[in-house]
Every structure is written in structure tokens, then in C-alpha cells.
Amino acid sequence: MNIQDEVLRILEEALSLKGRAKFFKPETRLLGAVPELDSMTVVSLLTALEEQLGVAVDEDEINASSLATVGSLVEYVRGKLES
């Protein structure tokens, strides 16, 4: 499984990005840069990650740095999958 591709697919679906996620790179900023990613959609995104990738997201673990960029979100998910 390509984790970045899966995260981008989930971002696309959870945020209804209308195809924009295919242009995202690891350095693409998310939190504060993608208007669709607000406090309500963060919950939807995390739920989708849990359900579709089988990771358990603990509220204490997730923070702004985890959602800062595509790369930081991918690394967070990778760490969860490897643990």
C-alpha cells in the first residue's frame, strides 16, 4: 500500500476537494491553507483514516503539526500503521 496515495484519496473524499488532492505534494500545506480543512472536517478526516486504514487516532496525539502538511499527515499515519 502506498500510504501517501491512500492519505491523498482520503483527503479528497473527506474534504470534497473536487480533484485538487491529485496536485498535492508532501510539502503542500493543509491546516490553515486548505479552506475545507476546518475543525469540523478534521473530525471527519480522522474518522475516515481510522475506518479506511485501520489506525486508531488518539485525540491526545493529533495536533497542528500532524496536520501542517501532506507530508506530516502521511508520516503520522505511517507511524500509526507501523506501531
PDB file of N, CA and C in Angstrom:
ATOM      1  N   MET A   1       0.852  -1.185   0.000  1.00  0.00           N
ATOM      2  CA  MET A   1       0.000   0.000   0.000  1.00  0.00           C
ATOM      3  C   MET A   1       0.890   1.238   0.000  1.00  0.00           C
ATOM      4  N   ASN A   2       0.572   2.176  -0.859  1.00  0.00           N
ATOM      5  CA  ASN A   2       1.265   3.455  -0.871  1.00  0.00           C
ATOM      6  C   ASN A   2       0.514   4.381   0.086  1.00  0.00           C
ATOM      7  N   ILE A   3       1.130   4.660   1.210  1.00  0.00           N
ATOM      8  CA  ILE A   3       0.447   5.424   2.263  1.00  0.00           C
ATOM      9  C   ILE A   3       0.092   6.824   1.786  1.00  0.00           C
ATOM     10  N   GLN A   4       0.990   7.480   1.065  1.00  0.00           N
ATOM     11  CA  GLN A   4       0.686   8.834   0.597  1.00  0.00           C
ATOM     12  C   GLN A   4      -0.522   8.827  -0.326  1.00  0.00           C
ATOM     13  N   ASP A   5      -0.578   7.875  -1.240  1.00  0.00           N
ATOM     14  CA  ASP A   5      -1.730   7.795  -2.151  1.00  0.00           C
ATOM     15  C   ASP A   5      -3.027   7.581  -1.371  1.00  0.00           C
ATOM     16  N   GLU A   6      -2.983   6.723  -0.369  1.00  0.00           N
ATOM     17  CA  GLU A   6      -4.169   6.460   0.445  1.00  0.00           C
ATOM     18  C   GLU A   6      -4.593   7.710   1.227  1.00  0.00           C
ATOM     19  N   VAL A   7      -3.623   8.405   1.802  1.00  0.00           N
ATOM     20  CA  VAL A   7      -3.939   9.630   2.552  1.00  0.00           C
ATOM     21  C   VAL A   7      -4.528  10.678   1.608  1.00  0.00           C
ATOM     22  N   LEU A   8      -3.962  10.826   0.429  1.00  0.00           N
ATOM     23  CA  LEU A   8      -4.498  11.790  -0.533  1.00  0.00           C
ATOM     24  C   LEU A   8      -5.911  11.418  -0.962  1.00  0.00           C
ATOM     25  N   ARG A   9      -6.151  10.132  -1.156  1.00  0.00           N
ATOM     26  CA  ARG A   9      -7.502   9.677  -1.525  1.00  0.00           C
ATOM     27  C   ARG A   9      -8.500  10.010  -0.422  1.00  0.00           C
ATOM     28  N   ILE A  10      -8.096   9.768   0.814  1.00  0.00           N
ATOM     29  CA  ILE A  10      -8.980  10.048   1.940  1.00  0.00           C
ATOM     30  C   ILE A  10      -9.178  11.551   2.114  1.00  0.00           C
ATOM     31  N   LEU A  11      -8.117  12.332   1.945  1.00  0.00           N
ATOM     32  CA  LEU A  11      -8.265  13.796   1.992  1.00  0.00           C
ATOM     33  C   LEU A  11      -9.263  14.261   0.936  1.00  0.00           C
ATOM     34  N   GLU A  12      -9.118  13.740  -0.270  1.00  0.00           N
ATOM     35  CA  GLU A  12     -10.013  14.104  -1.374  1.00  0.00           C
ATOM     36  C   GLU A  12     -11.470  13.823  -1.016  1.00  0.00           C
ATOM     37  N   GLU A  13     -11.719  12.627  -0.494  1.00  0.00           N
ATOM     38  CA  GLU A  13     -13.086  12.231  -0.156  1.00  0.00           C
ATOM     39  C   GLU A  13     -13.625  12.985   1.053  1.00  0.00           C
ATOM     40  N   ALA A  14     -12.841  13.033   2.120  1.00  0.00           N
ATOM     41  CA  ALA A  14     -13.325  13.616   3.374  1.00  0.00           C
ATOM     42  C   ALA A  14     -13.559  15.123   3.262  1.00  0.00           C
ATOM     43  N   LEU A  15     -12.748  15.789   2.431  1.00  0.00           N
ATOM     44  CA  LEU A  15     -12.857  17.247   2.329  1.00  0.00           C
ATOM     45  C   LEU A  15     -13.581  17.703   1.072  1.00  0.00           C
ATOM     46  N   SER A  16     -14.000  16.754   0.230  1.00  0.00           N
ATOM     47  CA  SER A  16     -14.674  17.083  -1.038  1.00  0.00           C
ATOM     48  C   SER A  16     -13.864  18.114  -1.822  1.00  0.00           C
ATOM     49  N   LEU A  17     -12.634  17.745  -2.170  1.00  0.00           N
ATOM     50  CA  LEU A  17     -11.703  18.686  -2.798  1.00  0.00           C
ATOM     51  C   LEU A  17     -11.867  18.815  -4.311  1.00  0.00           C
ATOM     52  N   LYS A  18     -12.772  18.087  -4.894  1.00  0.00           N
ATOM     53  CA  LYS A  18     -13.091  18.190  -6.321  1.00  0.00           C
ATOM     54  C   LYS A  18     -11.865  18.002  -7.206  1.00  0.00           C
ATOM     55  N   GLY A  19     -11.046  16.994  -6.875  1.00  0.00           N
ATOM     56  CA  GLY A  19      -9.892  16.663  -7.696  1.00  0.00           C
ATOM     57  C   GLY A  19      -8.600  17.384  -7.359  1.00  0.00           C
ATOM     58  N   ARG A  20      -8.641  18.320  -6.430  1.00  0.00           N
ATOM     59  CA  ARG A  20      -7.440  19.108  -6.110  1.00  0.00           C
ATOM     60  C   ARG A  20      -6.357  18.287  -5.427  1.00  0.00           C
ATOM     61  N   ALA A  21      -6.721  17.236  -4.700  1.00  0.00           N
ATOM     62  CA  ALA A  21      -5.729  16.464  -3.948  1.00  0.00           C
ATOM     63  C   ALA A  21      -4.701  15.803  -4.858  1.00  0.00           C
ATOM     64  N   LYS A  22      -5.045  15.548  -6.119  1.00  0.00           N
ATOM     65  CA  LYS A  22      -4.082  14.907  -7.011  1.00  0.00           C
ATOM     66  C   LYS A  22      -2.883  15.806  -7.297  1.00  0.00           C
ATOM     67  N   PHE A  23      -2.993  17.084  -6.996  1.00  0.00           N
ATOM     68  CA  PHE A  23      -1.888  18.018  -7.195  1.00  0.00           C
ATOM     69  C   PHE A  23      -1.083  18.250  -5.917  1.00  0.00           C
ATOM     70  N   PHE A  24      -1.507  17.660  -4.823  1.00  0.00           N
ATOM     71  CA  PHE A  24      -0.827  17.854  -3.543  1.00  0.00           C
ATOM     72  C   PHE A  24       0.495  17.099  -3.523  1.00  0.00           C
ATOM     73  N   LYS A  25       1.492  17.735  -2.960  1.00  0.00           N
ATOM     74  CA  LYS A  25       2.826  17.170  -2.761  1.00  0.00           C
ATOM     75  C   LYS A  25       3.064  17.053  -1.260  1.00  0.00           C
ATOM     76  N   PRO A  26       4.119  16.361  -0.821  1.00  0.00           N
ATOM     77  CA  PRO A  26       4.390  16.259   0.616  1.00  0.00           C
ATOM     78  C   PRO A  26       4.497  17.627   1.308  1.00  0.00           C
ATOM     79  N   GLU A  27       5.000  18.614   0.612  1.00  0.00           N
ATOM     80  CA  GLU A  27       5.165  19.938   1.227  1.00  0.00           C
ATOM     81  C   GLU A  27       3.911  20.815   1.156  1.00  0.00           C
ATOM     82  N   THR A  28       2.847  20.311   0.546  1.00  0.00           N
ATOM     83  CA  THR A  28       1.603  21.081   0.458  1.00  0.00           C
ATOM     84  C   THR A  28       1.048  21.313   1.855  1.00  0.00           C
ATOM     85  N   ARG A  29       0.829  22.590   2.178  1.00  0.00           N
ATOM     86  CA  ARG A  29       0.280  22.943   3.485  1.00  0.00           C
ATOM     87  C   ARG A  29      -1.197  22.573   3.537  1.00  0.00           C
ATOM     88  N   LEU A  30      -1.615  22.090   4.693  1.00  0.00           N
ATOM     89  CA  LEU A  30      -3.010  21.718   4.898  1.00  0.00           C
ATOM     90  C   LEU A  30      -3.695  22.675   5.862  1.00  0.00           C
ATOM     91  N   LEU A  31      -3.407  22.534   7.129  1.00  0.00           N
ATOM     92  CA  LEU A  31      -4.081  23.324   8.161  1.00  0.00           C
ATOM     93  C   LEU A  31      -3.789  24.810   7.963  1.00  0.00           C
ATOM     94  N   GLY A  32      -4.840  25.565   7.766  1.00  0.00           N
ATOM     95  CA  GLY A  32      -4.700  26.999   7.542  1.00  0.00           C
ATOM     96  C   GLY A  32      -4.535  27.373   6.081  1.00  0.00           C
ATOM     97  N   ALA A  33      -4.300  26.391   5.219  1.00  0.00           N
ATOM     98  CA  ALA A  33      -4.105  26.672   3.802  1.00  0.00           C
ATOM     99  C   ALA A  33      -5.213  26.082   2.928  1.00  0.00           C
ATOM    100  N   VAL A  34      -5.807  25.001   3.367  1.00  0.00           N
ATOM    101  CA  VAL A  34      -6.909  24.375   2.637  1.00  0.00           C
ATOM    102  C   VAL A  34      -8.194  24.762   3.361  1.00  0.00           C
ATOM    103  N   PRO A  35      -8.982  25.655   2.759  1.00  0.00           N
ATOM    104  CA  PRO A  35     -10.173  26.165   3.452  1.00  0.00           C
ATOM    105  C   PRO A  35     -11.144  25.080   3.902  1.00  0.00           C
ATOM    106  N   GLU A  36     -11.188  23.981   3.179  1.00  0.00           N
ATOM    107  CA  GLU A  36     -12.112  22.900   3.537  1.00  0.00           C
ATOM    108  C   GLU A  36     -11.706  22.183   4.824  1.00  0.00           C
ATOM    109  N   LEU A  37     -10.464  22.344   5.257  1.00  0.00           N
ATOM    110  CA  LEU A  37      -9.985  21.673   6.466  1.00  0.00           C
ATOM    111  C   LEU A  37     -10.188  22.596   7.660  1.00  0.00           C
ATOM    112  N   ASP A  38     -11.350  22.466   8.279  1.00  0.00           N
ATOM    113  CA  ASP A  38     -11.663  23.251   9.467  1.00  0.00           C
ATOM    114  C   ASP A  38     -11.896  22.298  10.633  1.00  0.00           C
ATOM    115  N   SER A  39     -12.299  22.828  11.754  1.00  0.00           N
ATOM    116  CA  SER A  39     -12.439  21.996  12.953  1.00  0.00           C
ATOM    117  C   SER A  39     -13.449  20.857  12.760  1.00  0.00           C
ATOM    118  N   MET A  40     -14.461  21.074  11.987  1.00  0.00           N
ATOM    119  CA  MET A  40     -15.464  20.029  11.759  1.00  0.00           C
ATOM    120  C   MET A  40     -14.937  18.945  10.813  1.00  0.00           C
ATOM    121  N   THR A  41     -14.242  19.351   9.768  1.00  0.00           N
ATOM    122  CA  THR A  41     -13.763  18.356   8.812  1.00  0.00           C
ATOM    123  C   THR A  41     -12.538  17.607   9.327  1.00  0.00           C
ATOM    124  N   VAL A  42     -11.826  18.172  10.288  1.00  0.00           N
ATOM    125  CA  VAL A  42     -10.724  17.427  10.909  1.00  0.00           C
ATOM    126  C   VAL A  42     -11.277  16.142  11.516  1.00  0.00           C
ATOM    127  N   VAL A  43     -12.400  16.247  12.184  1.00  0.00           N
ATOM    128  CA  VAL A  43     -13.023  15.061  12.791  1.00  0.00           C
ATOM    129  C   VAL A  43     -13.403  14.052  11.706  1.00  0.00           C
ATOM    130  N   SER A  44     -13.979  14.518  10.626  1.00  0.00           N
ATOM    131  CA  SER A  44     -14.353  13.621   9.517  1.00  0.00           C
ATOM    132  C   SER A  44     -13.119  12.966   8.907  1.00  0.00           C
ATOM    133  N   LEU A  45     -12.063  13.741   8.744  1.00  0.00           N
ATOM    134  CA  LEU A  45     -10.824  13.216   8.186  1.00  0.00           C
ATOM    135  C   LEU A  45     -10.237  12.134   9.082  1.00  0.00           C
ATOM    136  N   LEU A  46     -10.160  12.404  10.371  1.00  0.00           N
ATOM    137  CA  LEU A  46      -9.601  11.425  11.304  1.00  0.00           C
ATOM    138  C   LEU A  46     -10.443  10.161  11.365  1.00  0.00           C
ATOM    139  N   THR A  47     -11.756  10.321  11.333  1.00  0.00           N
ATOM    140  CA  THR A  47     -12.652   9.168  11.324  1.00  0.00           C
ATOM    141  C   THR A  47     -12.431   8.331  10.066  1.00  0.00           C
ATOM    142  N   ALA A  48     -12.285   8.993   8.927  1.00  0.00           N
ATOM    143  CA  ALA A  48     -12.050   8.282   7.674  1.00  0.00           C
ATOM    144  C   ALA A  48     -10.719   7.538   7.709  1.00  0.00           C
ATOM    145  N   LEU A  49      -9.684   8.155   8.271  1.00  0.00           N
ATOM    146  CA  LEU A  49      -8.385   7.488   8.397  1.00  0.00           C
ATOM    147  C   LEU A  49      -8.515   6.241   9.257  1.00  0.00           C
ATOM    148  N   GLU A  50      -9.249   6.369  10.359  1.00  0.00           N
ATOM    149  CA  GLU A  50      -9.446   5.221  11.253  1.00  0.00           C
ATOM    150  C   GLU A  50     -10.184   4.095  10.541  1.00  0.00           C
ATOM    151  N   GLU A  51     -11.279   4.434   9.895  1.00  0.00           N
ATOM    152  CA  GLU A  51     -12.132   3.417   9.275  1.00  0.00           C
ATOM    153  C   GLU A  51     -11.488   2.774   8.047  1.00  0.00           C
ATOM    154  N   GLN A  52     -10.848   3.579   7.218  1.00  0.00           N
ATOM    155  CA  GLN A  52     -10.343   3.060   5.954  1.00  0.00           C
ATOM    156  C   GLN A  52      -8.939   2.469   6.037  1.00  0.00           C
ATOM    157  N   LEU A  53      -8.146   2.941   7.002  1.00  0.00           N
ATOM    158  CA  LEU A  53      -6.783   2.429   7.125  1.00  0.00           C
ATOM    159  C   LEU A  53      -6.572   1.589   8.371  1.00  0.00           C
ATOM    160  N   GLY A  54      -7.575   1.536   9.225  1.00  0.00           N
ATOM    161  CA  GLY A  54      -7.479   0.717  10.414  1.00  0.00           C
ATOM    162  C   GLY A  54      -6.534   1.244  11.475  1.00  0.00           C
ATOM    163  N   VAL A  55      -6.338   2.548  11.498  1.00  0.00           N
ATOM    164  CA  VAL A  55      -5.489   3.145  12.528  1.00  0.00           C
ATOM    165  C   VAL A  55      -6.362   3.692  13.643  1.00  0.00           C
ATOM    166  N   ALA A  56      -5.829   3.715  14.842  1.00  0.00           N
ATOM    167  CA  ALA A  56      -6.544   4.295  15.981  1.00  0.00           C
ATOM    168  C   ALA A  56      -5.927   5.652  16.273  1.00  0.00           C
ATOM    169  N   VAL A  57      -6.719   6.693  16.121  1.00  0.00           N
ATOM    170  CA  VAL A  57      -6.244   8.051  16.345  1.00  0.00           C
ATOM    171  C   VAL A  57      -6.670   8.487  17.738  1.00  0.00           C
ATOM    172  N   ASP A  58      -5.705   8.746  18.570  1.00  0.00           N
ATOM    173  CA  ASP A  58      -5.959   9.223  19.918  1.00  0.00           C
ATOM    174  C   ASP A  58      -5.965  10.752  19.891  1.00  0.00           C
ATOM    175  N   GLU A  59      -7.002  11.351  20.450  1.00  0.00           N
ATOM    176  CA  GLU A  59      -7.123  12.810  20.426  1.00  0.00           C
ATOM    177  C   GLU A  59      -5.899  13.516  21.006  1.00  0.00           C
ATOM    178  N   ASP A  60      -5.229  12.864  21.960  1.00  0.00           N
ATOM    179  CA  ASP A  60      -4.046  13.463  22.569  1.00  0.00           C
ATOM    180  C   ASP A  60      -2.858  13.501  21.610  1.00  0.00           C
ATOM    181  N   GLU A  61      -2.859  12.634  20.618  1.00  0.00           N
ATOM    182  CA  GLU A  61      -1.737  12.539  19.685  1.00  0.00           C
ATOM    183  C   GLU A  61      -1.816  13.534  18.545  1.00  0.00           C
ATOM    184  N   ILE A  62      -3.008  13.837  18.111  1.00  0.00           N
ATOM    185  CA  ILE A  62      -3.167  14.682  16.937  1.00  0.00           C
ATOM    186  C   ILE A  62      -3.031  16.143  17.328  1.00  0.00           C
ATOM    187  N   ASN A  63      -2.242  16.878  16.544  1.00  0.00           N
ATOM    188  CA  ASN A  63      -2.042  18.300  16.817  1.00  0.00           C
ATOM    189  C   ASN A  63      -1.805  19.028  15.505  1.00  0.00           C
ATOM    190  N   ALA A  64      -1.607  20.321  15.596  1.00  0.00           N
ATOM    191  CA  ALA A  64      -1.447  21.135  14.388  1.00  0.00           C
ATOM    192  C   ALA A  64      -0.254  20.689  13.553  1.00  0.00           C
ATOM    193  N   SER A  65       0.809  20.227  14.192  1.00  0.00           N
ATOM    194  CA  SER A  65       1.980  19.814  13.410  1.00  0.00           C
ATOM    195  C   SER A  65       1.693  18.545  12.615  1.00  0.00           C
ATOM    196  N   SER A  66       0.840  17.680  13.113  1.00  0.00           N
ATOM    197  CA  SER A  66       0.470  16.462  12.378  1.00  0.00           C
ATOM    198  C   SER A  66      -0.337  16.795  11.128  1.00  0.00           C
ATOM    199  N   LEU A  67      -1.058  17.887  11.166  1.00  0.00           N
ATOM    200  CA  LEU A  67      -1.912  18.297  10.046  1.00  0.00           C
ATOM    201  C   LEU A  67      -1.337  19.477   9.278  1.00  0.00           C
ATOM    202  N   ALA A  68      -0.089  19.825   9.522  1.00  0.00           N
ATOM    203  CA  ALA A  68       0.517  21.002   8.896  1.00  0.00           C
ATOM    204  C   ALA A  68       0.669  20.842   7.389  1.00  0.00           C
ATOM    205  N   THR A  69       1.150  19.685   6.966  1.00  0.00           N
ATOM    206  CA  THR A  69       1.382  19.425   5.541  1.00  0.00           C
ATOM    207  C   THR A  69       0.920  18.013   5.193  1.00  0.00           C
ATOM    208  N   VAL A  70       0.845  17.758   3.917  1.00  0.00           N
ATOM    209  CA  VAL A  70       0.543  16.397   3.469  1.00  0.00           C
ATOM    210  C   VAL A  70       1.599  15.445   4.017  1.00  0.00           C
ATOM    211  N   GLY A  71       2.854  15.841   3.942  1.00  0.00           N
ATOM    212  CA  GLY A  71       3.942  15.002   4.413  1.00  0.00           C
ATOM    213  C   GLY A  71       3.851  14.679   5.893  1.00  0.00           C
ATOM    214  N   SER A  72       3.504  15.669   6.705  1.00  0.00           N
ATOM    215  CA  SER A  72       3.408  15.417   8.143  1.00  0.00           C
ATOM    216  C   SER A  72       2.230  14.502   8.457  1.00  0.00           C
ATOM    217  N   LEU A  73       1.141  14.617   7.711  1.00  0.00           N
ATOM    218  CA  LEU A  73      -0.001  13.722   7.911  1.00  0.00           C
ATOM    219  C   LEU A  73       0.360  12.303   7.467  1.00  0.00           C
ATOM    220  N   VAL A  74       1.056  12.180   6.353  1.00  0.00           N
ATOM    221  CA  VAL A  74       1.488  10.863   5.879  1.00  0.00           C
ATOM    222  C   VAL A  74       2.412  10.218   6.913  1.00  0.00           C
ATOM    223  N   GLU A  75       3.338  10.975   7.463  1.00  0.00           N
ATOM    224  CA  GLU A  75       4.264  10.432   8.464  1.00  0.00           C
ATOM    225  C   GLU A  75       3.517  10.018   9.733  1.00  0.00           C
ATOM    226  N   TYR A  76       2.519  10.791  10.119  1.00  0.00           N
ATOM    227  CA  TYR A  76       1.703  10.426  11.279  1.00  0.00           C
ATOM    228  C   TYR A  76       1.017   9.077  11.022  1.00  0.00           C
ATOM    229  N   VAL A  77       0.386   8.948   9.854  1.00  0.00           N
ATOM    230  CA  VAL A  77      -0.323   7.718   9.509  1.00  0.00           C
ATOM    231  C   VAL A  77       0.671   6.556   9.412  1.00  0.00           C
ATOM    232  N   ARG A  78       1.814   6.795   8.777  1.00  0.00           N
ATOM    233  CA  ARG A  78       2.833   5.744   8.658  1.00  0.00           C
ATOM    234  C   ARG A  78       3.239   5.230  10.056  1.00  0.00           C
ATOM    235  N   GLY A  79       3.468   6.160  10.966  1.00  0.00           N
ATOM    236  CA  GLY A  79       3.821   5.781  12.339  1.00  0.00           C
ATOM    237  C   GLY A  79       2.739   4.961  13.011  1.00  0.00           C
ATOM    238  N   LYS A  80       1.488   5.312  12.787  1.00  0.00           N
ATOM    239  CA  LYS A  80       0.371   4.562  13.364  1.00  0.00           C
ATOM    240  C   LYS A  80       0.289   3.162  12.763  1.00  0.00           C
ATOM    241  N   LEU A  81       0.516   3.038  11.463  1.00  0.00           N
ATOM    242  CA  LEU A  81       0.443   1.739  10.805  1.00  0.00           C
ATOM    243  C   LEU A  81       1.591   0.832  11.222  1.00  0.00           C
ATOM    244  N   GLU A  82       2.733   1.415  11.521  1.00  0.00           N
ATOM    245  CA  GLU A  82       3.898   0.617  11.892  1.00  0.00           C
ATOM    246  C   GLU A  82       3.902   0.222  13.364  1.00  0.00           C
ATOM    247  N   SER A  83       3.057   0.869  14.169  1.00  0.00           N
ATOM    248  CA  SER A  83       3.065   0.543  15.597  1.00  0.00           C
ATOM    249  C   SER A  83       2.089  -0.567  15.937  1.00  0.00           C
TER     250      SER A  83
END
